[in-house]
């Protein structure tokens, strides 16, 4: 009997401890007192560390993470990969009841997928008030940190500024034959752009451009950025704004422009529902929505905060709807492939 009752009692005590810890983390996430940051910082210092899964560019991670570590004395362990891999790893670990991640930071549609799987914690972050109106979902399980804005990039030795297209219709001109490129997973850019062009007429326009002048499809925005810099792809239709800007500053013969409206896709931060270091995770989310916003702008990303000037100035934006992107992902991918890849 003792052999049976002993382990059972231990399991019961462990379960009670887990529930108590979860309740404490939930209370801390929901706390809205004026001393919220002080409470989070005190609890986070006791934990001393957190683990971040992200798609943030590897070369920009030190500038993003080190100020947080220095300010709060909390070590941040980063696992960085592409969007699909971050999503797959987070889902797989949760399915196996392995809770390693504290904070996830990647695309808003994928964050919405984690919300639907009940893997994120609702948070009453004080930084919400600084974000662009309507950008925080009602469930408060993730919040935007930056906008990845699609711009058009070109090689300045192969294309003159005077001949840049002002409308997508201008790409029907024979001068662009063999000079155009696009990233292979630009389905969201394509869907929103086509919508802005009236739907079916937009689809027909891009199919005519491909038929008349061709569009080279390349895998990866970084690769496409390098091909524009080398001149192999003189003009790219879909490039994240910070990439050609950083290449330009480094001396590459690259510049960018916008055929408005520029399609924007939010990246977001969320705290894992079963975070092993919940206080540190909550504090990191607060940091990403406040102190990190000028850092993000300094790296040429468009900050989510309405109080920080955008590197794009007053360029008109057309945002990707995260829920629609999630629900219509397969349809958008199929339409993009039918227009560009299969041709």
Protein backbone atom coordinates (compact mmCIF):
# COMPACT_ATOMS: atom_id res chain seq x y z
CA UNK A 1 0.00 0.00 0.00
CA UNK A 2 2.84 2.39 0.85
CA UNK A 3 4.44 1.59 -2.51
CA UNK A 4 1.17 2.64 -4.25
CA UNK A 5 0.22 5.64 -2.11
CA UNK A 6 3.73 7.14 -2.04
CA UNK A 7 4.15 7.73 -5.80
CA UNK A 8 0.50 8.74 -6.14
CA UNK A 9 0.89 11.37 -3.44
CA UNK A 10 4.05 12.64 -5.08
CA UNK A 11 2.28 12.97 -8.43
CA UNK A 12 -0.61 14.78 -6.76
CA UNK A 13 1.77 17.24 -5.09
CA UNK A 14 3.56 17.81 -8.42
CA UNK A 15 0.27 18.45 -10.19
CA UNK A 16 -0.78 20.91 -7.50
CA UNK A 17 2.56 22.67 -7.81
CA UNK A 18 2.20 22.96 -11.58
CA UNK A 19 -1.32 24.36 -11.24
CA UNK A 20 -0.17 26.85 -8.60
CA UNK A 21 2.71 28.02 -10.80
CA UNK A 22 0.37 28.40 -13.78
CA UNK A 23 -2.09 30.40 -11.68
CA UNK A 24 0.71 32.68 -10.46
CA UNK A 25 1.93 33.26 -14.02
CA UNK A 26 -1.62 34.01 -15.17
CA UNK A 27 -2.09 36.50 -12.34
CA UNK A 28 1.19 38.20 -13.22
CA UNK A 29 0.24 38.38 -16.91
CA UNK A 30 -3.13 39.99 -16.05
CA UNK A 31 -1.80 42.46 -13.47
CA UNK A 32 -2.29 46.09 -14.59
CA UNK A 33 -1.09 48.06 -11.55
CA UNK A 34 1.23 51.02 -11.96
CA UNK A 35 4.08 48.90 -10.58
CA UNK A 36 3.61 46.16 -13.21
CA UNK A 37 7.11 46.49 -14.69
CA UNK A 38 8.74 46.53 -11.25
CA UNK A 39 6.91 43.34 -10.27
CA UNK A 40 7.81 41.64 -13.53
CA UNK A 41 11.47 42.66 -13.24
CA UNK A 42 11.75 41.41 -9.66
CA UNK A 43 10.21 38.03 -10.50
CA UNK A 44 12.18 37.77 -13.74
CA UNK A 45 15.52 38.32 -12.00
CA UNK A 46 14.74 35.36 -9.76
CA UNK A 47 14.22 33.19 -12.84
CA UNK A 48 17.36 34.60 -14.45
CA UNK A 49 16.83 33.38 -17.98
CA UNK A 50 14.42 32.79 -20.85
CA UNK A 51 14.34 30.96 -24.18
CA UNK A 52 13.27 32.76 -27.35
CA UNK A 53 12.20 31.09 -30.62
CA UNK A 54 12.33 33.61 -33.46
CA UNK A 55 12.76 34.31 -37.16
CA UNK A 56 14.48 37.66 -36.49
CA UNK A 57 17.53 38.13 -38.74
CA UNK A 58 20.59 36.48 -37.18
CA UNK A 59 22.86 39.45 -37.73
CA UNK A 60 20.41 41.81 -36.02
CA UNK A 61 19.75 39.65 -32.95
CA UNK A 62 22.62 40.99 -30.79
CA UNK A 63 21.38 44.58 -31.21
CA UNK A 64 17.91 43.45 -30.17
CA UNK A 65 18.72 41.12 -27.27
CA UNK A 66 21.80 42.59 -25.58
CA UNK A 67 20.11 45.77 -24.25
CA UNK A 68 17.51 43.61 -22.49
CA UNK A 69 20.16 41.33 -20.99
CA UNK A 70 22.23 44.31 -19.82
CA UNK A 71 19.29 46.18 -18.30
CA UNK A 72 17.73 43.29 -16.40
CA UNK A 73 20.57 40.79 -15.95
CA UNK A 74 18.56 38.02 -17.61
CA UNK A 75 20.20 35.62 -20.04
CA UNK A 76 18.34 35.10 -23.32
CA UNK A 77 18.88 31.82 -25.15
CA UNK A 78 17.85 32.20 -28.80
CA UNK A 79 16.84 29.52 -31.26
CA UNK A 80 16.53 31.11 -34.67
CA UNK A 81 15.08 29.50 -37.82
CA UNK A 82 12.68 30.15 -40.69
CA UNK A 83 8.97 30.65 -40.10
CA UNK A 84 7.91 27.09 -40.93
CA UNK A 85 10.54 25.54 -38.66
CA UNK A 86 9.72 27.80 -35.71
CA UNK A 87 6.05 26.95 -36.05
CA UNK A 88 6.69 23.22 -36.44
CA UNK A 89 9.05 23.03 -33.45
CA UNK A 90 6.68 24.95 -31.18
CA UNK A 91 3.74 22.74 -32.13
CA UNK A 92 5.73 19.51 -31.89
CA UNK A 93 7.12 20.28 -28.44
CA UNK A 94 3.70 21.23 -27.12
CA UNK A 95 2.21 18.02 -28.52
CA UNK A 96 4.90 16.03 -26.68
CA UNK A 97 4.33 18.08 -23.48
CA UNK A 98 7.89 19.40 -23.69
CA UNK A 99 7.75 23.00 -22.63
CA UNK A 100 11.11 24.60 -23.48
CA UNK A 101 10.13 27.88 -25.08
CA UNK A 102 9.20 31.02 -23.15
CA UNK A 103 8.71 33.58 -25.92
CA UNK A 104 7.89 33.21 -29.61
CA UNK A 105 8.52 35.98 -32.11
CA UNK A 106 7.60 35.56 -35.77
CA UNK A 107 4.84 36.35 -38.28
CA UNK A 108 1.40 37.40 -37.04
CA UNK A 109 -0.49 34.73 -39.06
CA UNK A 110 1.64 32.03 -37.43
CA UNK A 111 1.11 33.63 -34.01
CA UNK A 112 -2.61 33.43 -34.68
CA UNK A 113 -2.15 29.71 -35.40
CA UNK A 114 -0.51 29.26 -31.98
CA UNK A 115 -3.42 31.14 -30.41
CA UNK A 116 -5.88 28.73 -32.02
CA UNK A 117 -3.88 25.82 -30.61
CA UNK A 118 -4.14 27.42 -27.13
CA UNK A 119 -0.37 27.65 -26.80
CA UNK A 120 -0.12 31.35 -25.87
CA UNK A 121 -0.89 33.25 -22.70
CA UNK A 122 -3.25 36.27 -22.65
CA UNK A 123 -1.23 39.28 -21.51
CA UNK A 124 -2.29 42.73 -20.30
CA UNK A 125 0.90 44.42 -21.52
CA UNK A 126 1.32 48.09 -20.74
CA UNK A 127 2.94 48.62 -24.15
CA UNK A 128 -0.29 48.07 -26.10
CA UNK A 129 -1.24 51.73 -25.84
CA UNK A 130 1.75 52.72 -28.00
CA UNK A 131 0.93 50.40 -30.90
CA UNK A 132 -0.84 51.29 -34.11
CA UNK A 133 -4.60 51.45 -33.68
CA UNK A 134 -6.37 48.13 -34.23
CA UNK A 135 -3.17 46.09 -34.46
CA UNK A 136 -3.55 44.12 -31.21
CA UNK A 137 -6.02 41.19 -31.41
CA UNK A 138 -8.85 41.10 -28.90
CA UNK A 139 -7.57 37.94 -27.22
CA UNK A 140 -4.28 39.74 -26.31
CA UNK A 141 -2.22 36.59 -26.78
CA UNK A 142 0.22 38.25 -29.15
CA UNK A 143 1.12 41.80 -30.11
CA UNK A 144 2.88 43.25 -33.19
CA UNK A 145 6.46 44.41 -32.78
CA UNK A 146 7.38 45.39 -36.33
CA UNK A 147 6.05 45.49 -39.86
CA UNK A 148 7.84 43.65 -42.63
CA UNK A 149 6.97 45.94 -45.54
CA UNK A 150 7.31 44.69 -49.10
CA UNK A 151 9.04 47.16 -51.40
CA UNK A 152 10.49 46.96 -54.89
CA UNK A 153 14.30 46.81 -55.08
CA UNK A 154 16.60 47.43 -58.05
CA UNK A 155 20.24 47.38 -59.09
CA UNK A 156 21.30 50.97 -59.65
CA UNK A 157 23.83 50.08 -62.35
CA UNK A 158 21.30 48.06 -64.36
CA UNK A 159 18.23 50.25 -63.87
CA UNK A 160 18.12 54.04 -63.79
CA UNK A 161 15.91 55.87 -61.35
CA UNK A 162 14.19 57.67 -64.22
CA UNK A 163 12.87 54.43 -65.75
CA UNK A 164 11.43 52.95 -62.55
CA UNK A 165 7.80 51.84 -62.94
CA UNK A 166 5.20 54.00 -61.24
CA UNK A 167 2.43 51.39 -61.63
CA UNK A 168 2.50 47.62 -62.01
CA UNK A 169 1.01 48.11 -65.48
CA UNK A 170 4.33 49.72 -66.47
CA UNK A 171 5.99 46.29 -66.12
CA UNK A 172 4.30 45.26 -69.37
CA UNK A 173 6.86 47.43 -71.20
CA UNK A 174 9.32 45.27 -73.22
CA UNK A 175 12.24 47.01 -71.50
CA UNK A 176 11.63 44.73 -68.48
CA UNK A 177 11.98 41.47 -70.39
CA UNK A 178 14.32 39.16 -68.46
CA UNK A 179 14.90 41.73 -65.70
CA UNK A 180 12.22 40.89 -63.14
CA UNK A 181 12.38 38.65 -60.09
CA UNK A 182 10.16 37.66 -57.18
CA UNK A 183 10.60 35.69 -53.94
CA UNK A 184 9.03 32.21 -54.05
CA UNK A 185 6.84 32.62 -50.96
CA UNK A 186 5.42 36.07 -51.67
CA UNK A 187 1.86 34.75 -51.64
CA UNK A 188 0.64 37.32 -49.10
CA UNK A 189 2.18 40.19 -51.06
CA UNK A 190 0.55 38.84 -54.21
CA UNK A 191 -2.89 38.34 -52.61
CA UNK A 192 -3.06 41.84 -51.12
CA UNK A 193 -1.60 43.49 -54.22
CA UNK A 194 -4.09 41.73 -56.48
CA UNK A 195 -6.89 42.80 -54.16
CA UNK A 196 -5.69 46.41 -54.40
CA UNK A 197 -5.73 46.08 -58.21
CA UNK A 198 -9.36 44.99 -58.25
CA UNK A 199 -9.12 41.19 -57.96
CA UNK A 200 -9.44 39.42 -61.30
CA UNK A 201 -7.97 42.36 -63.28
CA UNK A 202 -4.93 42.20 -60.99
CA UNK A 203 -4.53 38.48 -61.59
CA UNK A 204 -4.72 39.01 -65.34
CA UNK A 205 -2.17 41.84 -65.16
CA UNK A 206 0.47 39.72 -63.44
CA UNK A 207 -0.16 36.79 -65.76
CA UNK A 208 0.32 39.12 -68.72
CA UNK A 209 3.55 40.45 -67.21
CA UNK A 210 4.88 36.90 -66.78
CA UNK A 211 3.82 35.89 -70.29
CA UNK A 212 5.33 38.97 -71.90
CA UNK A 213 8.51 39.64 -69.93
CA UNK A 214 9.01 36.69 -67.57
CA UNK A 215 9.53 36.81 -63.80
CA UNK A 216 12.37 34.83 -62.22
CA UNK A 217 11.24 33.05 -59.02
CA UNK A 218 13.91 32.79 -56.29
CA UNK A 219 13.78 31.00 -52.94
CA UNK A 220 14.49 33.31 -50.01
CA UNK A 221 14.46 37.07 -49.56
CA UNK A 222 18.15 37.16 -48.62
CA UNK A 223 19.06 35.35 -51.83
CA UNK A 224 16.93 37.68 -53.91
CA UNK A 225 18.53 40.67 -52.19
CA UNK A 226 21.99 39.35 -53.13
CA UNK A 227 20.92 38.71 -56.72
CA UNK A 228 19.69 42.29 -57.04
CA UNK A 229 23.01 43.53 -55.67
CA UNK A 230 24.93 41.39 -58.18
CA UNK A 231 22.73 42.53 -61.07
CA UNK A 232 21.49 39.02 -61.91
CA UNK A 233 17.97 40.20 -61.02
CA UNK A 234 17.85 43.91 -61.95
CA UNK A 235 14.44 44.53 -60.35
CA UNK A 236 12.74 42.55 -57.57
CA UNK A 237 8.99 42.88 -57.09
CA UNK A 238 8.78 41.71 -53.47
CA UNK A 239 11.55 42.52 -50.99
CA UNK A 240 11.41 43.28 -47.28
CA UNK A 241 12.24 46.97 -46.95
CA UNK A 242 15.14 46.63 -44.51
CA UNK A 243 17.16 44.32 -46.77
CA UNK A 244 17.94 46.65 -49.70
CA UNK A 245 18.30 49.56 -47.27
CA UNK A 246 20.96 47.71 -45.27
CA UNK A 247 22.68 46.58 -48.49
CA UNK A 248 22.65 50.17 -49.77
CA UNK A 249 24.26 51.43 -46.56
CA UNK A 250 26.92 48.76 -46.91
CA UNK A 251 27.83 50.15 -50.34
CA UNK A 252 26.01 47.73 -52.64
CA UNK A 253 24.58 49.17 -55.91
CA UNK A 254 21.04 48.71 -54.61
CA UNK A 255 18.11 50.99 -53.90
CA UNK A 256 14.40 50.56 -53.36
CA UNK A 257 11.12 52.27 -54.16
CA UNK A 258 7.43 51.61 -53.56
CA UNK A 259 4.50 51.16 -55.88
CA UNK A 260 1.87 52.17 -53.35
CA UNK A 261 0.23 50.91 -51.33
CA UNK A 262 3.09 48.89 -49.86
CA UNK A 263 1.96 45.54 -48.49
CA UNK A 264 2.90 45.12 -44.83
CA UNK A 265 3.06 41.92 -42.79
CA UNK A 266 3.29 42.15 -39.00
CA UNK A 267 5.76 40.20 -36.92
CA UNK A 268 4.61 39.65 -33.37
CA UNK A 269 5.65 38.51 -29.91
CA UNK A 270 3.80 36.14 -27.60
CA UNK A 271 4.39 34.37 -24.28
CA UNK A 272 4.07 30.58 -24.22
CA UNK A 273 1.17 29.38 -22.08
CA UNK A 274 3.45 26.84 -20.37
CA UNK A 275 6.57 29.03 -20.29
CA UNK A 276 9.14 27.66 -17.81
CA UNK A 277 10.21 31.25 -17.08
CA UNK A 278 6.92 33.19 -17.31
CA UNK A 279 8.01 36.37 -15.52
CA UNK A 280 11.09 36.77 -17.70
CA UNK A 281 8.95 36.06 -20.76
CA UNK A 282 6.38 38.69 -19.78
CA UNK A 283 9.13 41.21 -19.13
CA UNK A 284 10.67 40.49 -22.54
CA UNK A 285 7.32 41.11 -24.23
CA UNK A 286 7.06 44.47 -22.45
CA UNK A 287 10.59 45.27 -23.63
CA UNK A 288 9.75 44.39 -27.24
CA UNK A 289 6.78 46.76 -27.19
CA UNK A 290 8.66 49.65 -25.57
CA UNK A 291 12.46 49.95 -25.29
CA UNK A 292 13.06 47.73 -28.32
CA UNK A 293 10.97 49.86 -30.69
CA UNK A 294 13.69 52.51 -31.34
CA UNK A 295 16.20 49.66 -31.74
CA UNK A 296 13.94 48.03 -34.33
CA UNK A 297 13.62 51.32 -36.22
CA UNK A 298 17.40 51.76 -36.08
CA UNK A 299 17.79 48.42 -37.86
CA UNK A 300 15.59 49.76 -40.71
CA UNK A 301 12.51 47.76 -39.75
CA UNK A 302 9.17 49.55 -39.50
CA UNK A 303 8.30 49.66 -35.77
CA UNK A 304 4.82 48.70 -34.59
CA UNK A 305 4.75 51.68 -32.26
CA UNK A 306 2.88 54.71 -33.59
CA UNK A 307 5.24 56.92 -31.56
CA UNK A 308 8.42 55.93 -33.38
CA UNK A 309 9.02 57.41 -36.86
CA UNK A 310 8.94 54.85 -39.66
CA UNK A 311 11.98 54.49 -41.95
CA UNK A 312 9.46 54.56 -44.81
CA UNK A 313 8.11 57.97 -43.91
CA UNK A 314 4.50 58.46 -44.99
CA UNK A 315 4.30 55.57 -47.45
CA UNK A 316 0.73 54.26 -47.60
CA UNK A 317 0.44 50.69 -46.27
CA UNK A 318 -1.90 47.81 -47.09
CA UNK A 319 -1.69 45.36 -44.15
CA UNK A 320 -1.99 41.59 -44.43
CA UNK A 321 -4.90 40.36 -42.29
CA UNK A 322 -3.38 37.59 -40.07
CA UNK A 323 -6.59 35.59 -39.74
CA UNK A 324 -7.36 35.76 -43.45
CA UNK A 325 -3.77 34.85 -44.31
CA UNK A 326 -4.02 31.82 -42.03
CA UNK A 327 -7.40 30.67 -43.31
CA UNK A 328 -6.64 31.23 -47.00
CA UNK A 329 -2.99 30.23 -47.03
CA UNK A 330 -3.44 27.26 -49.37
CA UNK A 331 -5.62 29.20 -51.80
CA UNK A 332 -3.18 32.11 -51.88
CA UNK A 333 -0.24 29.76 -52.42
CA UNK A 334 -2.01 28.02 -55.28
CA UNK A 335 -2.86 31.29 -57.02
CA UNK A 336 0.69 32.58 -56.61
CA UNK A 337 2.16 29.35 -58.00
CA UNK A 338 -0.29 29.35 -60.92
CA UNK A 339 0.79 32.87 -61.84
CA UNK A 340 4.55 32.75 -61.28
CA UNK A 341 5.99 29.33 -60.49
CA UNK A 342 4.21 27.13 -63.01
CA UNK A 343 4.84 29.63 -65.78
